[in-house]
Amino acid sequence: MKPNILCCLGLLALPLTAHALDGPSSPQQAETEGWLQLQSSNKAASQKPQTSTATERELSMQRWLKSYEHEIPQFFDQDQGGTVSSGSGG
């Protein structure tokens, strides 16, 4: 019983460690955090409800189910695929 309580208290304390950061470490991070706060506050939400038709929902469900047809590989080949450029992006 006691280990369960200690484990629960530890899990409850985890969010407190996230507040240790003073602020964004870069302008890009500040921009991202601003967009995430705007999204979570729901201040920029559309006034027009966005609905989908039955056909759109069905096609979406088929696409989602089809994604399960591909087996997840045990290991990924590091040499397969493209290259990553080291130039600065915008």
C-alpha atoms as a PDB file:
ATOM      1  CA  MET A   1       0.000   0.000   0.000  1.00  0.00           C
ATOM      2  CA  LYS A   2       2.753   2.417   0.970  1.00  0.00           C
ATOM      3  CA  PRO A   3       4.685   2.055  -2.334  1.00  0.00           C
ATOM      4  CA  ASN A   4       1.465   2.812  -4.244  1.00  0.00           C
ATOM      5  CA  ILE A   5       0.956   6.024  -2.306  1.00  0.00           C
ATOM      6  CA  LEU A   6       4.570   7.086  -2.821  1.00  0.00           C
ATOM      7  CA  CYS A   7       4.309   6.338  -6.527  1.00  0.00           C
ATOM      8  CA  CYS A   8       1.119   8.384  -6.833  1.00  0.00           C
ATOM      9  CA  LEU A   9       2.662  11.307  -4.954  1.00  0.00           C
ATOM     10  CA  GLY A  10       5.683  11.154  -7.224  1.00  0.00           C
ATOM     11  CA  LEU A  11       3.485  11.241 -10.312  1.00  0.00           C
ATOM     12  CA  LEU A  12       1.517  14.160  -8.926  1.00  0.00           C
ATOM     13  CA  ALA A  13       4.754  16.091  -8.339  1.00  0.00           C
ATOM     14  CA  LEU A  14       5.977  15.662 -11.939  1.00  0.00           C
ATOM     15  CA  PRO A  15       4.131  18.697 -13.356  1.00  0.00           C
ATOM     16  CA  LEU A  16       5.811  20.885 -10.748  1.00  0.00           C
ATOM     17  CA  THR A  17       9.193  20.187 -12.335  1.00  0.00           C
ATOM     18  CA  ALA A  18       7.988  21.637 -15.641  1.00  0.00           C
ATOM     19  CA  HIS A  19       7.732  25.098 -14.075  1.00  0.00           C
ATOM     20  CA  ALA A  20      11.479  25.195 -13.441  1.00  0.00           C
ATOM     21  CA  LEU A  21      12.119  26.727 -16.876  1.00  0.00           C
ATOM     22  CA  ASP A  22      12.433  30.505 -16.807  1.00  0.00           C
ATOM     23  CA  GLY A  23      11.251  31.125 -20.331  1.00  0.00           C
ATOM     24  CA  PRO A  24      11.787  30.284 -23.974  1.00  0.00           C
ATOM     25  CA  SER A  25      15.378  29.603 -24.929  1.00  0.00           C
ATOM     26  CA  SER A  26      14.996  30.920 -28.478  1.00  0.00           C
ATOM     27  CA  PRO A  27      12.729  33.179 -30.531  1.00  0.00           C
ATOM     28  CA  GLN A  28      11.399  30.104 -32.334  1.00  0.00           C
ATOM     29  CA  GLN A  29      10.435  28.489 -29.047  1.00  0.00           C
ATOM     30  CA  ALA A  30       8.735  31.713 -27.919  1.00  0.00           C
ATOM     31  CA  GLU A  31       6.758  31.798 -31.178  1.00  0.00           C
ATOM     32  CA  THR A  32       5.754  28.152 -30.787  1.00  0.00           C
ATOM     33  CA  GLU A  33       4.683  28.674 -27.179  1.00  0.00           C
ATOM     34  CA  GLY A  34       2.624  31.693 -28.233  1.00  0.00           C
ATOM     35  CA  TRP A  35       0.773  29.648 -30.861  1.00  0.00           C
ATOM     36  CA  LEU A  36       0.176  26.799 -28.416  1.00  0.00           C
ATOM     37  CA  GLN A  37      -1.231  29.180 -25.805  1.00  0.00           C
ATOM     38  CA  LEU A  38      -3.473  30.789 -28.418  1.00  0.00           C
ATOM     39  CA  GLN A  39      -4.698  27.359 -29.467  1.00  0.00           C
ATOM     40  CA  SER A  40      -5.350  26.119 -25.940  1.00  0.00           C
ATOM     41  CA  SER A  41      -7.093  29.334 -24.881  1.00  0.00           C
ATOM     42  CA  ASN A  42      -9.577  28.974 -27.782  1.00  0.00           C
ATOM     43  CA  LYS A  43      -9.425  32.756 -28.403  1.00  0.00           C
ATOM     44  CA  ALA A  44      -8.844  32.413 -32.137  1.00  0.00           C
ATOM     45  CA  ALA A  45     -11.414  29.702 -32.771  1.00  0.00           C
ATOM     46  CA  SER A  46     -13.594  29.957 -35.830  1.00  0.00           C
ATOM     47  CA  GLN A  47     -17.173  31.038 -35.242  1.00  0.00           C
ATOM     48  CA  LYS A  48     -18.284  28.767 -38.066  1.00  0.00           C
ATOM     49  CA  PRO A  49     -18.694  25.114 -37.025  1.00  0.00           C
ATOM     50  CA  GLN A  50     -16.600  22.855 -39.214  1.00  0.00           C
ATOM     51  CA  THR A  51     -18.446  19.664 -40.028  1.00  0.00           C
ATOM     52  CA  SER A  52     -17.699  16.801 -42.339  1.00  0.00           C
ATOM     53  CA  THR A  53     -20.046  14.791 -44.486  1.00  0.00           C
ATOM     54  CA  ALA A  54     -20.709  11.106 -44.001  1.00  0.00           C
ATOM     55  CA  THR A  55     -18.615  10.383 -47.111  1.00  0.00           C
ATOM     56  CA  GLU A  56     -15.673  12.371 -45.732  1.00  0.00           C
ATOM     57  CA  ARG A  57     -15.876  10.565 -42.400  1.00  0.00           C
ATOM     58  CA  GLU A  58     -15.992   7.192 -44.161  1.00  0.00           C
ATOM     59  CA  LEU A  59     -12.966   8.000 -46.333  1.00  0.00           C
ATOM     60  CA  SER A  60     -11.077   9.227 -43.300  1.00  0.00           C
ATOM     61  CA  MET A  61     -11.875   6.027 -41.419  1.00  0.00           C
ATOM     62  CA  GLN A  62     -10.734   3.892 -44.381  1.00  0.00           C
ATOM     63  CA  ARG A  63      -7.455   5.823 -44.581  1.00  0.00           C
ATOM     64  CA  TRP A  64      -6.904   5.358 -40.841  1.00  0.00           C
ATOM     65  CA  LEU A  65      -7.641   1.616 -40.997  1.00  0.00           C
ATOM     66  CA  LYS A  66      -5.349   1.214 -44.008  1.00  0.00           C
ATOM     67  CA  SER A  67      -2.467   2.644 -41.969  1.00  0.00           C
ATOM     68  CA  TYR A  68      -2.532  -0.554 -39.883  1.00  0.00           C
ATOM     69  CA  GLU A  69      -1.725  -2.732 -42.924  1.00  0.00           C
ATOM     70  CA  HIS A  70       1.976  -1.892 -42.733  1.00  0.00           C
ATOM     71  CA  GLU A  71       4.041  -3.752 -40.174  1.00  0.00           C
ATOM     72  CA  ILE A  72       6.224  -1.665 -37.894  1.00  0.00           C
ATOM     73  CA  PRO A  73       9.829  -2.833 -38.427  1.00  0.00           C
ATOM     74  CA  GLN A  74      11.864  -4.052 -35.468  1.00  0.00           C
ATOM     75  CA  PHE A  75      14.787  -1.829 -36.506  1.00  0.00           C
ATOM     76  CA  PHE A  76      15.101   1.110 -38.880  1.00  0.00           C
ATOM     77  CA  ASP A  77      17.895   1.235 -41.444  1.00  0.00           C
ATOM     78  CA  GLN A  78      19.878   4.378 -40.655  1.00  0.00           C
ATOM     79  CA  ASP A  79      21.409   4.566 -44.150  1.00  0.00           C
ATOM     80  CA  GLN A  80      18.074   4.410 -45.984  1.00  0.00           C
ATOM     81  CA  GLY A  81      16.357   7.615 -47.008  1.00  0.00           C
ATOM     82  CA  GLY A  82      17.478  11.116 -47.859  1.00  0.00           C
ATOM     83  CA  THR A  83      20.048  13.410 -46.357  1.00  0.00           C
ATOM     84  CA  VAL A  84      19.694  16.251 -43.929  1.00  0.00           C
ATOM     85  CA  SER A  85      21.214  19.570 -44.921  1.00  0.00           C
ATOM     86  CA  SER A  86      23.060  21.528 -42.261  1.00  0.00           C
ATOM     87  CA  GLY A  87      22.085  24.916 -43.736  1.00  0.00           C
ATOM     88  CA  SER A  88      19.969  27.280 -41.684  1.00  0.00           C
ATOM     89  CA  GLY A  89      16.285  27.094 -42.473  1.00  0.00           C
ATOM     90  CA  GLY A  90      13.724  29.855 -42.223  1.00  0.00           C
END
